[in-house]
Amino acid sequence: MLAALCNDVRIYAHAAQKGAIYLCPGCKAELVLRKGAIKIHHFAHKPPVECQFGAGESREHLEAKLAIYQAFVGRSLRAEMEWPLEA
């Protein structure tokens, strides 16, 4: 997942810093920031995962979400990623 909560504020993985506590926007469980040199920056649940937000996403899926977000922001449009909706 590309978005998390930090002190009740949404933050995206590409802007997040290691060392802070990040929570899942869906289930509020603690997340791990994965920010390396090979894979796209993202957050992951600690196992065991029971949250639907914790379902694995392919690299291509994460990259597509980020590309769409960046395209909107690059055109000065307001954009949000992974916004949980109430059922």
C-alpha atoms as a PDB file:
ATOM      1  CA  MET A   1       0.000   0.000   0.000  1.00  0.00           C
ATOM      2  CA  LEU A   2       1.194   3.481  -0.763  1.00  0.00           C
ATOM      3  CA  ALA A   3      -0.630   5.488   1.937  1.00  0.00           C
ATOM      4  CA  ALA A   4      -0.614   5.286   5.732  1.00  0.00           C
ATOM      5  CA  LEU A   5      -1.528   7.364   8.757  1.00  0.00           C
ATOM      6  CA  CYS A   6       1.089   9.056  10.926  1.00  0.00           C
ATOM      7  CA  ASN A   7      -0.289  11.026  13.883  1.00  0.00           C
ATOM      8  CA  ASP A   8      -3.741  10.907  12.195  1.00  0.00           C
ATOM      9  CA  VAL A   9      -2.348  12.518   9.015  1.00  0.00           C
ATOM     10  CA  ARG A  10      -2.247  10.661   5.677  1.00  0.00           C
ATOM     11  CA  ILE A  11       1.261  10.250   4.284  1.00  0.00           C
ATOM     12  CA  TYR A  12       2.506   8.562   1.147  1.00  0.00           C
ATOM     13  CA  ALA A  13       5.406   6.114   1.241  1.00  0.00           C
ATOM     14  CA  HIS A  14       7.569   8.152  -1.144  1.00  0.00           C
ATOM     15  CA  ALA A  15       7.420  11.080   1.337  1.00  0.00           C
ATOM     16  CA  ALA A  16       7.641   9.021   4.549  1.00  0.00           C
ATOM     17  CA  GLN A  17      10.740   8.780   6.717  1.00  0.00           C
ATOM     18  CA  LYS A  18      11.957   5.677   8.527  1.00  0.00           C
ATOM     19  CA  GLY A  19      11.589   5.689  12.293  1.00  0.00           C
ATOM     20  CA  ALA A  20       8.037   7.050  12.576  1.00  0.00           C
ATOM     21  CA  ILE A  21       5.013   4.944  13.503  1.00  0.00           C
ATOM     22  CA  TYR A  22       2.645   4.366  10.581  1.00  0.00           C
ATOM     23  CA  LEU A  23      -0.846   2.893  10.809  1.00  0.00           C
ATOM     24  CA  CYS A  24      -3.095   1.261   8.230  1.00  0.00           C
ATOM     25  CA  PRO A  25      -5.914   3.594   7.095  1.00  0.00           C
ATOM     26  CA  GLY A  26      -8.260   0.585   7.097  1.00  0.00           C
ATOM     27  CA  CYS A  27      -7.631  -1.495  10.219  1.00  0.00           C
ATOM     28  CA  LYS A  28      -5.322   0.900  12.139  1.00  0.00           C
ATOM     29  CA  ALA A  29      -2.674  -1.831  12.637  1.00  0.00           C
ATOM     30  CA  GLU A  30       0.981  -0.801  12.657  1.00  0.00           C
ATOM     31  CA  LEU A  31       2.716  -0.875   9.282  1.00  0.00           C
ATOM     32  CA  VAL A  32       6.314  -1.276   8.169  1.00  0.00           C
ATOM     33  CA  LEU A  33       7.776   1.291   5.762  1.00  0.00           C
ATOM     34  CA  ARG A  34       9.626  -0.460   2.965  1.00  0.00           C
ATOM     35  CA  LYS A  35      11.785   2.134   1.292  1.00  0.00           C
ATOM     36  CA  GLY A  36      14.727   0.637  -0.534  1.00  0.00           C
ATOM     37  CA  ALA A  37      16.606   1.074  -3.773  1.00  0.00           C
ATOM     38  CA  ILE A  38      14.993  -1.745  -5.795  1.00  0.00           C
ATOM     39  CA  LYS A  39      11.244  -1.913  -5.096  1.00  0.00           C
ATOM     40  CA  ILE A  40       8.731   0.929  -5.137  1.00  0.00           C
ATOM     41  CA  HIS A  41       8.423   2.588  -1.735  1.00  0.00           C
ATOM     42  CA  HIS A  42       5.417   1.163   0.111  1.00  0.00           C
ATOM     43  CA  PHE A  43       3.939   0.182   3.471  1.00  0.00           C
ATOM     44  CA  ALA A  44       3.259  -3.399   4.534  1.00  0.00           C
ATOM     45  CA  HIS A  45       1.350  -5.036   7.373  1.00  0.00           C
ATOM     46  CA  LYS A  46       3.240  -7.102   9.896  1.00  0.00           C
ATOM     47  CA  PRO A  47       2.136 -10.761   9.700  1.00  0.00           C
ATOM     48  CA  PRO A  48      -0.387 -12.209  10.223  1.00  0.00           C
ATOM     49  CA  VAL A  49      -2.413 -10.061   7.828  1.00  0.00           C
ATOM     50  CA  GLU A  50      -6.193 -10.041   8.107  1.00  0.00           C
ATOM     51  CA  CYS A  51      -6.888  -6.592   6.645  1.00  0.00           C
ATOM     52  CA  GLN A  52      -8.055  -6.225   3.028  1.00  0.00           C
ATOM     53  CA  PHE A  53      -5.605  -3.331   2.687  1.00  0.00           C
ATOM     54  CA  GLY A  54      -2.890  -5.867   3.466  1.00  0.00           C
ATOM     55  CA  ALA A  55      -3.557  -7.990   0.415  1.00  0.00           C
ATOM     56  CA  GLY A  56      -0.405  -8.133  -1.675  1.00  0.00           C
ATOM     57  CA  GLU A  57      -0.224  -5.899  -4.736  1.00  0.00           C
ATOM     58  CA  SER A  58       2.108  -6.496  -7.639  1.00  0.00           C
ATOM     59  CA  ARG A  59       4.929  -4.084  -8.407  1.00  0.00           C
ATOM     60  CA  GLU A  60       3.103  -3.121 -11.603  1.00  0.00           C
ATOM     61  CA  HIS A  61      -0.085  -2.296  -9.684  1.00  0.00           C
ATOM     62  CA  LEU A  62       1.760  -0.100  -7.161  1.00  0.00           C
ATOM     63  CA  GLU A  63       3.672   1.651  -9.953  1.00  0.00           C
ATOM     64  CA  ALA A  64       0.452   2.309 -11.898  1.00  0.00           C
ATOM     65  CA  LYS A  65      -1.249   3.867  -8.854  1.00  0.00           C
ATOM     66  CA  LEU A  66       1.762   6.095  -8.244  1.00  0.00           C
ATOM     67  CA  ALA A  67       2.001   7.100 -11.931  1.00  0.00           C
ATOM     68  CA  ILE A  68      -1.677   8.115 -12.036  1.00  0.00           C
ATOM     69  CA  TYR A  69      -1.279  10.118  -8.810  1.00  0.00           C
ATOM     70  CA  GLN A  70       1.835  11.877 -10.129  1.00  0.00           C
ATOM     71  CA  ALA A  71       0.124  12.656 -13.452  1.00  0.00           C
ATOM     72  CA  PHE A  72      -2.745  14.421 -11.673  1.00  0.00           C
ATOM     73  CA  VAL A  73      -0.478  16.292  -9.258  1.00  0.00           C
ATOM     74  CA  GLY A  74       1.805  17.257 -12.144  1.00  0.00           C
ATOM     75  CA  ARG A  75      -1.170  18.990 -13.741  1.00  0.00           C
ATOM     76  CA  SER A  76      -1.934  20.878 -10.506  1.00  0.00           C
ATOM     77  CA  LEU A  77      -4.990  18.710  -9.828  1.00  0.00           C
ATOM     78  CA  ARG A  78      -5.894  17.483  -6.358  1.00  0.00           C
ATOM     79  CA  ALA A  79      -5.297  13.757  -6.042  1.00  0.00           C
ATOM     80  CA  GLU A  80      -5.503  11.190  -3.242  1.00  0.00           C
ATOM     81  CA  MET A  81      -4.422   7.552  -3.282  1.00  0.00           C
ATOM     82  CA  GLU A  82      -5.971   4.614  -1.453  1.00  0.00           C
ATOM     83  CA  TRP A  83      -8.756   6.485   0.289  1.00  0.00           C
ATOM     84  CA  PRO A  84     -10.851   4.052   2.387  1.00  0.00           C
ATOM     85  CA  LEU A  85     -14.579   4.268   1.712  1.00  0.00           C
ATOM     86  CA  GLU A  86     -17.281   3.451   4.218  1.00  0.00           C
ATOM     87  CA  ALA A  87     -19.484   0.576   3.038  1.00  0.00           C
END
